[in-house]
Protein backbone atom coordinates (compact mmCIF):
# COMPACT_ATOMS: atom_id res chain seq x y z
CA MET A 1 6.73 173.29 22.74
CA GLU A 2 4.84 170.05 23.09
CA LEU A 3 6.41 166.62 22.15
CA MET A 4 3.64 166.06 19.67
CA ASP A 5 4.01 169.51 18.34
CA LYS A 6 7.72 168.77 17.53
CA LEU A 7 6.66 165.43 15.93
CA LYS A 8 4.48 167.22 13.46
CA ILE A 9 7.14 169.17 12.23
CA LEU A 10 10.34 167.08 12.28
CA ALA A 11 8.07 164.23 10.72
CA ASP A 12 7.26 166.43 8.13
CA ALA A 13 10.62 167.62 7.60
CA ALA A 14 11.98 164.08 7.33
CA LYS A 15 9.67 163.48 3.90
CA TYR A 16 12.83 164.44 2.09
CA ASP A 17 14.65 161.39 3.02
CA VAL A 18 14.22 158.17 1.19
CA ALA A 19 13.58 155.27 3.48
CA CYS A 20 11.52 152.79 1.93
CA THR A 21 13.81 150.15 2.25
CA SER A 22 13.85 146.56 3.66
CA SER A 23 15.65 146.26 6.67
CA GLY A 24 17.97 143.15 5.43
CA ASN A 25 18.80 141.78 8.72
CA ASP A 26 17.60 139.02 11.17
CA ARG A 27 17.65 139.53 14.98
CA ALA A 28 15.40 137.34 17.00
CA ALA A 29 13.76 138.83 20.06
CA LYS A 30 15.70 138.59 23.28
CA GLN A 31 14.49 137.88 26.79
CA GLY A 32 13.79 141.43 28.89
CA GLU A 33 14.17 143.28 25.03
CA VAL A 34 11.58 144.88 23.11
CA GLY A 35 11.05 143.96 19.40
CA ASN A 36 13.39 142.32 16.93
CA ALA A 37 14.31 142.88 13.42
CA VAL A 38 12.87 141.04 10.27
CA ALA A 39 14.99 141.44 7.07
CA CYS A 40 11.82 141.74 4.98
CA GLY A 41 10.71 144.57 7.24
CA ILE A 42 9.66 147.58 4.79
CA CYS A 43 9.29 150.88 5.48
CA HIS A 44 5.74 151.88 3.76
CA SER A 45 5.52 148.49 1.89
CA PHE A 46 4.34 144.86 2.22
CA SER A 47 6.10 142.27 3.75
CA ALA A 48 5.34 138.80 2.02
CA ASP A 49 2.59 137.67 4.40
CA GLY A 50 0.77 140.60 3.87
CA ARG A 51 1.32 143.14 6.77
CA CYS A 52 1.97 146.61 6.40
CA ILE A 53 5.43 147.27 8.47
CA SER A 54 6.59 151.00 8.66
CA LEU A 55 9.40 152.88 10.70
CA LEU A 56 9.17 155.62 12.87
CA LYS A 57 10.27 158.57 10.37
CA ILE A 58 11.75 161.68 11.80
CA LEU A 59 14.66 164.26 12.23
CA LEU A 60 16.28 164.97 15.34
CA THR A 61 16.65 168.73 14.26
CA ASN A 62 15.49 170.58 11.69
CA LYS A 63 17.60 173.55 12.95
CA CYS A 64 20.82 173.73 10.10
CA VAL A 65 23.94 175.70 10.17
CA PHE A 66 24.03 174.45 6.22
CA ASP A 67 22.67 176.52 3.56
CA CYS A 68 22.08 173.97 1.15
CA GLN A 69 19.99 175.72 -1.62
CA TYR A 70 17.81 172.32 -2.43
CA CYS A 71 17.06 171.60 1.08
CA GLY A 72 13.71 172.53 2.65
CA ASN A 73 15.19 172.51 5.94
CA ARG A 74 18.31 175.47 5.01
CA ARG A 75 19.38 177.84 7.22
CA SER A 76 17.73 180.58 5.16
CA ALA A 77 14.42 178.76 5.01
CA ASP A 78 11.40 180.21 6.74
CA ILE A 79 10.18 177.41 8.34
CA PRO A 80 9.08 176.35 11.81
CA ARG A 81 11.87 174.90 13.71
CA ALA A 82 12.30 172.04 16.53
CA GLU A 83 14.67 169.97 18.25
CA PHE A 84 14.01 166.54 19.93
CA THR A 85 16.02 165.45 22.85
CA PRO A 86 17.79 161.93 22.42
CA GLN A 87 15.20 161.23 25.59
CA GLU A 88 11.99 162.15 23.39
CA VAL A 89 13.20 160.17 20.54
CA ALA A 90 13.44 157.22 22.98
CA GLU A 91 10.23 157.78 24.38
CA LEU A 92 8.46 158.15 20.78
CA THR A 93 10.30 155.08 19.57
CA LEU A 94 8.95 152.77 22.54
CA ARG A 95 5.49 154.70 22.62
CA PHE A 96 4.60 154.01 18.84
CA TYR A 97 6.01 150.67 19.20
CA GLN A 98 3.93 149.34 21.93
CA ARG A 99 0.64 150.85 20.02
CA ASN A 100 1.86 148.93 17.48
CA TYR A 101 2.28 151.75 15.14
CA ILE A 102 5.97 151.21 13.88
CA GLU A 103 8.44 148.07 13.93
CA GLY A 104 11.75 150.47 13.77
CA LEU A 105 13.15 153.99 13.63
CA PHE A 106 14.49 155.88 11.05
CA LEU A 107 16.53 158.89 12.73
CA SER A 108 18.30 161.45 10.75
CA SER A 109 19.13 165.21 11.17
CA ALA A 110 19.82 168.70 10.30
CA VAL A 111 23.56 169.64 11.28
CA ILE A 112 23.26 171.57 14.54
CA ARG A 113 26.40 173.46 15.47
CA SER A 114 28.66 171.03 13.95
CA PRO A 115 28.56 167.29 12.20
CA ASP A 116 30.33 165.85 15.55
CA TYR A 117 27.99 167.69 18.29
CA THR A 118 24.95 166.48 15.94
CA MET A 119 26.64 162.87 15.63
CA GLU A 120 27.04 162.62 19.44
CA LEU A 121 23.63 163.50 20.08
CA LEU A 122 22.44 160.84 17.10
CA ILE A 123 24.15 158.30 19.00
CA SER A 124 22.85 159.15 22.23
CA ALA A 125 19.19 158.87 21.07
CA MET A 126 20.06 155.36 19.82
CA ARG A 127 22.03 154.37 22.93
CA THR A 128 18.99 155.58 25.19
CA VAL A 129 16.70 153.64 22.85
CA ARG A 130 18.79 150.78 22.92
CA GLU A 131 20.47 150.47 26.43
CA GLU A 132 17.67 152.12 28.58
CA TYR A 133 14.72 151.56 26.85
CA HIS A 134 16.36 147.61 25.71
CA PHE A 135 14.79 147.99 22.18
CA ASN A 136 15.76 145.39 20.12
CA GLY A 137 14.30 146.48 16.80
CA TYR A 138 15.22 147.94 13.64
CA ILE A 139 17.24 151.13 13.41
CA HIS A 140 18.39 152.81 10.44
CA VAL A 141 20.27 156.10 10.79
CA LYS A 142 21.65 159.00 8.88
CA THR A 143 25.48 159.49 9.26
CA ILE A 144 26.47 163.31 9.26
CA PRO A 145 29.19 164.08 6.71
CA GLY A 146 32.52 165.40 8.26
CA ALA A 147 31.65 163.64 11.59
CA ASP A 148 34.01 162.56 13.61
CA PRO A 149 35.41 158.68 12.51
CA ALA A 150 35.33 157.22 15.75
CA LEU A 151 31.40 158.79 16.21
CA ILE A 152 30.70 156.98 12.82
CA ARG A 153 32.14 153.71 14.68
CA GLN A 154 29.60 154.21 17.51
CA ALA A 155 27.16 154.54 15.38
CA GLY A 156 27.49 151.42 13.48
CA SER A 157 27.40 149.47 16.75
CA LEU A 158 23.90 150.76 17.90
CA ALA A 159 22.23 151.01 14.34
CA ASP A 160 21.46 147.96 11.74
CA ARG A 161 21.63 150.32 8.74
CA LEU A 162 23.51 153.69 7.90
CA SER A 163 23.64 155.68 5.38
CA VAL A 164 25.36 159.03 4.27
CA ASN A 165 23.61 161.26 1.62
CA ILE A 166 25.82 162.32 -1.74
CA GLU A 167 22.63 164.26 -2.83
CA LEU A 168 24.10 165.90 -5.57
CA PRO A 169 25.98 163.87 -8.08
CA SER A 170 28.80 165.74 -8.80
CA GLN A 171 31.60 168.27 -7.06
CA ALA A 172 30.79 170.96 -9.44
CA SER A 173 26.80 170.74 -8.12
CA LEU A 174 28.23 170.32 -4.44
CA GLU A 175 30.29 173.91 -4.54
CA ALA A 176 27.36 175.62 -6.60
CA PHE A 177 24.52 174.54 -4.64
CA ALA A 178 26.01 173.47 -1.28
CA PRO A 179 29.26 174.88 -0.94
CA GLU A 180 29.31 174.25 2.75
CA LYS A 181 29.40 170.48 2.14
CA LYS A 182 32.97 168.58 0.50
CA LYS A 183 32.69 165.35 -1.45
CA ASP A 184 35.61 164.09 0.71
CA ASP A 185 33.31 164.60 3.91
CA ILE A 186 30.66 162.36 2.04
CA ILE A 187 32.73 159.51 0.89
CA ALA A 188 34.85 159.21 3.87
CA PRO A 189 32.01 157.78 6.24
CA MET A 190 30.87 155.49 3.29
CA ARG A 191 34.64 154.01 3.40
CA LEU A 192 34.67 154.00 7.25
CA VAL A 193 31.15 151.91 7.22
CA ARG A 194 32.27 149.89 4.35
CA GLU A 195 35.63 148.89 6.51
CA GLY A 196 33.97 148.31 9.81
CA ILE A 197 31.57 145.87 7.90
CA ILE A 198 34.35 143.94 6.70
CA ALA A 199 36.43 143.81 10.07
CA HIS A 200 33.20 142.60 11.99
CA LYS A 201 32.81 139.63 9.21
CA ASN A 202 36.49 138.72 9.74
CA GLU A 203 36.44 138.75 13.69
CA LEU A 204 33.50 136.52 13.01
CA ALA A 205 35.33 134.49 10.83
CA ILE A 206 38.52 133.97 13.51
CA TYR A 207 37.00 134.44 16.60
CA ARG A 208 33.84 132.88 18.19
CA HIS A 209 33.79 135.12 20.93
CA ALA A 210 32.98 137.80 18.50
CA LYS A 211 29.34 136.29 17.53
CA ASN A 212 28.68 137.73 21.37
CA GLU A 213 29.97 141.24 20.33
CA PRO A 214 27.68 144.09 19.12
CA SER A 215 27.76 143.59 15.21
CA PHE A 216 28.82 146.64 12.69
CA ALA A 217 25.88 147.66 10.71
CA PRO A 218 24.48 143.78 10.02
CA ALA A 219 21.82 145.84 7.54
CA GLY A 220 24.69 147.58 5.53
CA GLN A 221 24.77 150.95 4.09
CA SER A 222 22.86 152.98 1.81
CA THR A 223 22.62 156.56 0.05
CA GLN A 224 20.47 158.80 -1.70
CA LEU A 225 20.66 161.12 -5.02
CA ILE A 226 18.52 164.04 -5.52
CA VAL A 227 17.45 163.81 -9.36
CA GLY A 228 16.79 167.08 -11.30
CA ALA A 229 17.90 169.85 -8.95
CA SER A 230 21.48 170.04 -10.63
CA PRO A 231 22.35 169.14 -14.39
CA GLU A 232 23.59 165.88 -14.52
CA SER A 233 22.54 163.20 -17.09
CA ASP A 234 21.15 160.14 -16.19
CA SER A 235 24.68 158.77 -17.76
CA LYS A 236 26.45 160.52 -15.20
CA ILE A 237 23.98 159.08 -12.04
CA VAL A 238 23.95 155.45 -13.39
CA THR A 239 27.75 155.38 -13.46
CA LEU A 240 27.95 156.96 -10.05
CA ALA A 241 25.58 154.43 -8.69
CA GLU A 242 27.59 151.53 -10.35
CA GLY A 243 30.69 152.75 -9.01
CA LEU A 244 29.37 152.95 -5.24
CA TYR A 245 28.11 149.68 -5.51
CA GLY A 246 31.31 148.45 -6.60
CA LYS A 247 33.53 150.14 -4.31
CA PHE A 248 31.54 150.45 -1.30
CA LYS A 249 29.01 147.51 -1.46
CA LEU A 250 26.06 149.92 -1.03
CA LYS A 251 23.00 148.09 -0.32
CA ARG A 252 20.65 150.61 -2.13
CA VAL A 253 21.31 154.05 -4.27
CA PHE A 254 17.84 155.75 -3.45
CA TYR A 255 16.78 158.43 -6.33
CA SER A 256 14.40 161.08 -5.38
CA ALA A 257 12.88 163.34 -7.78
CA TYR A 258 13.89 167.08 -6.82
CA ILE A 259 10.74 169.13 -5.39
CA PRO A 260 11.15 172.85 -5.68
CA VAL A 261 12.08 174.14 -2.21
CA GLY A 262 14.31 176.98 -2.89
CA ALA A 263 14.66 180.47 -4.05
CA ASP A 264 17.82 180.05 -6.32
CA PRO A 265 16.86 181.12 -9.79
CA ARG A 266 19.24 178.19 -10.96
CA LEU A 267 16.88 175.42 -9.31
CA PRO A 268 14.22 174.33 -11.52
CA THR A 269 10.63 175.41 -10.54
CA THR A 270 8.76 172.70 -12.36
CA GLU A 271 7.07 169.82 -11.00
CA PRO A 272 9.46 166.73 -10.03
CA PRO A 273 10.46 164.52 -12.56
CA LEU A 274 8.86 161.36 -11.16
CA LEU A 275 9.20 159.35 -14.59
CA ARG A 276 12.77 160.24 -14.50
CA GLU A 277 13.22 158.53 -11.27
CA HIS A 278 11.16 156.13 -11.64
CA ARG A 279 13.60 154.88 -14.96
CA LEU A 280 16.44 155.15 -12.85
CA TYR A 281 15.34 152.53 -10.39
CA GLN A 282 14.72 150.68 -13.54
CA ALA A 283 18.08 151.16 -14.33
CA ASP A 284 19.44 150.73 -10.95
CA TRP A 285 17.58 147.20 -10.64
CA LEU A 286 19.18 146.03 -13.90
CA LEU A 287 22.38 147.19 -12.55
CA ARG A 288 22.05 145.32 -9.06
CA PHE A 289 20.40 141.87 -9.87
CA TYR A 290 20.63 141.52 -14.30
CA GLY A 291 24.44 141.76 -14.77
CA TYR A 292 24.08 145.00 -16.77
CA THR A 293 26.49 147.70 -16.73
CA ALA A 294 26.32 151.60 -16.96
CA GLY A 295 28.17 151.53 -20.28
CA GLU A 296 25.67 148.97 -22.16
CA LEU A 297 22.60 151.29 -21.28
CA PHE A 298 23.87 154.50 -22.82
CA LYS A 299 25.13 153.48 -25.92
CA ASN A 300 25.42 155.37 -29.13
CA GLU A 301 25.96 158.54 -26.88
CA ASP A 302 22.93 158.63 -25.18
CA GLU A 303 22.80 160.65 -21.63
CA ASN A 304 19.34 159.93 -20.73
CA LEU A 305 16.96 157.16 -20.05
CA SER A 306 14.52 156.91 -22.39
CA LEU A 307 10.96 158.18 -20.96
CA GLU A 308 8.94 156.07 -23.43
CA MET A 309 9.98 152.43 -22.93
CA ASP A 310 11.89 150.85 -19.76
CA PRO A 311 15.75 150.47 -19.94
CA LYS A 312 16.00 146.84 -20.41
CA CYS A 313 13.41 147.18 -23.48
CA HIS A 314 15.32 150.46 -25.00
CA TRP A 315 18.64 148.57 -24.54
CA ALA A 316 17.03 145.17 -26.48
CA VAL A 317 15.54 147.30 -29.36
CA GLN A 318 19.57 148.94 -29.37
CA ASN A 319 20.79 145.64 -29.27
CA LEU A 320 18.88 143.40 -31.82
CA HIS A 321 21.72 141.43 -33.40
CA LEU A 322 21.76 139.34 -30.33
CA PHE A 323 17.91 138.41 -30.76
CA PRO A 324 15.82 136.34 -31.21
CA VAL A 325 16.94 133.74 -28.30
CA GLU A 326 15.70 130.45 -28.05
CA VAL A 327 14.18 129.55 -25.00
CA ASN A 328 14.59 126.26 -24.99
CA THR A 329 18.62 126.54 -25.37
CA ALA A 330 19.68 129.86 -23.93
CA ASP A 331 21.33 130.18 -20.86
CA TYR A 332 20.26 132.15 -17.67
CA MET A 333 21.78 135.34 -18.81
CA GLU A 334 20.59 135.62 -22.22
CA LEU A 335 17.02 135.01 -20.73
CA LEU A 336 17.65 137.58 -18.11
CA ARG A 337 18.45 140.21 -21.31
CA VAL A 338 14.85 139.35 -22.92
CA PRO A 339 12.30 141.81 -21.81
CA GLY A 340 9.52 140.28 -20.02
CA ILE A 341 11.74 137.81 -18.61
CA GLY A 342 12.89 138.15 -14.81
CA GLN A 343 15.06 136.52 -12.77
CA VAL A 344 11.73 134.02 -11.30
CA SER A 345 10.88 133.18 -14.54
CA ALA A 346 14.25 132.67 -16.30
CA ARG A 347 14.85 130.15 -13.52
CA LYS A 348 11.29 128.36 -14.13
CA ILE A 349 11.97 128.02 -17.90
CA ILE A 350 15.40 126.70 -17.09
CA ALA A 351 13.82 124.16 -14.55
CA ALA A 352 10.87 123.18 -16.95
CA ARG A 353 12.92 122.46 -20.34
CA ARG A 354 14.67 119.67 -18.69
CA ILE A 355 11.30 117.76 -18.52
CA GLU A 356 9.36 119.35 -21.96
CA LYS A 357 9.85 121.42 -24.58
CA ILE A 358 9.15 125.20 -23.77
CA THR A 359 6.51 126.32 -25.85
CA PHE A 360 4.49 130.10 -25.88
CA GLU A 361 1.48 128.76 -23.74
CA GLY A 362 3.76 127.08 -21.36
CA LEU A 363 5.51 130.54 -20.96
CA LYS A 364 1.93 132.17 -20.01
CA LYS A 365 1.41 129.82 -17.69
CA MET A 366 4.86 130.69 -16.07
CA ARG A 367 3.68 134.44 -16.27
CA VAL A 368 6.51 135.41 -18.48
CA VAL A 369 5.05 139.12 -19.82
CA LEU A 370 4.80 138.10 -23.27
CA LYS A 371 3.83 141.32 -24.68
CA ARG A 372 6.78 142.59 -24.51
CA ALA A 373 9.06 139.07 -24.63
CA LYS A 374 7.40 137.74 -27.77
CA TYR A 375 9.54 140.21 -30.35
CA PHE A 376 12.70 138.67 -28.54
CA ILE A 377 12.40 135.09 -28.26
CA THR A 378 11.66 131.68 -30.30
CA CYS A 379 10.14 128.56 -29.11
CA CYS A 380 11.54 125.26 -30.74
CA GLY A 381 12.17 127.87 -33.85
CA LYS A 382 8.99 129.28 -33.76
CA THR A 383 7.90 133.02 -33.91
CA TYR A 384 5.03 133.94 -31.68
CA GLU A 385 4.12 137.04 -34.59
CA LYS A 386 5.70 137.39 -37.96
CA ILE A 387 7.39 140.77 -37.40
CA PRO A 388 10.48 142.34 -38.92
CA LEU A 389 13.16 141.94 -36.04
CA LEU A 390 13.84 146.24 -36.75
CA PRO A 391 14.00 148.91 -34.52
CA GLU A 392 11.13 151.05 -36.38
CA ALA A 393 8.64 148.22 -36.36
CA ILE A 394 9.41 146.88 -32.50
CA ALA A 395 9.75 150.20 -30.74
CA PRO A 396 6.67 151.77 -31.30
CA ARG A 397 5.15 148.40 -29.55
CA LEU A 398 7.16 148.87 -26.37
CA LYS A 399 6.23 152.24 -25.44
CA ASP A 400 5.07 152.62 -22.13
CA SER A 401 2.04 154.86 -22.74
CA SER A 402 0.09 153.64 -20.06
CA GLN A 403 3.08 154.63 -17.61
CA ILE A 404 3.44 157.69 -18.86
CA ALA A 405 0.05 158.48 -18.99
CA GLY A 406 0.09 157.79 -15.08
CA PHE A 407 3.06 159.72 -14.14
CA THR A 408 1.72 163.15 -16.17
CA GLN A 409 -1.36 162.69 -13.86
CA LEU A 410 0.97 162.65 -10.78
CA THR A 411 2.59 165.77 -11.96
CA ILE A 412 -0.68 167.98 -12.66
């Protein structure tokens, strides 16, 4: 099979892996090597200076020994199969980089023969890219659950970011749809990566010469959860994500709306739940940057996030006893809890009120989204509108109708 034919098959097969992530790692160019790594580098997005930065996103192979029913590359799927050699991966990476098509490599794989054999091939590909082709750019590689710990450590010394996909949020769902996969095989690599990152940081703190040693997954690790293939609630998914962030210090948990690819009658046959996926990303943002907990987002026995309004607005409506807050006296965390006020605008408010009193007009100049914030704040004791602070009065005004319509159109 020609190289470009393989690329067509294996780039398409990689579409189920989410890789839209900032690289999270700065590494300057080195003499005699090709490329560098920039922390703001993002797959299929834009950097601060307006550049579109992308990764070569491919599978090493889509020939899989597993038959996970939710996966388009499962053993029983009737699809074209292909396999790159490590040398071909290296050649493609350098060719695409030299043509300015890419700034890094995202490499994943189906499981061929065994987890160890697959991991050895992935390591061989990275080693060829790094050592033979002297590529100094960003590499993100998916580790294979069940692979030997020594192989995970080798991968960590070559890649900027490692990830291992949990895929389904519970052991019961794994047993139902992917019985060949075990939860422990997925969690073990996460633990190894976390330990490796900590060990390298400790070495840097103690030994100066460690700066010259290869770093271990300097951009951290991430994982991916499939949304909608199995019956777990949003509460279960967000609580799991919260635990992963706390225990393994993951950089990102990605949520991927299930695309019907399997013939198993237990799997959904409807369009991907894109709006639900979007709400999970919003909730995830609140966990990571706004100090919320999963328990706060799912009060009153709610098991799923509201599709009608974003999680921050929904939380605020359920906790009206905490509002309104006075923008001229509220602390940073209180301001962050106000819908329409983000991290940047909260910092601007705190800085500006040292000089003068904050008014609603001043908030507009700071780009606070008064469309949402006006119900939950006062400025110098004054409200923006005389509206009763009651759920039935405020909730209808916060419904995300335009966004819902946009996601509805996407799924038609």
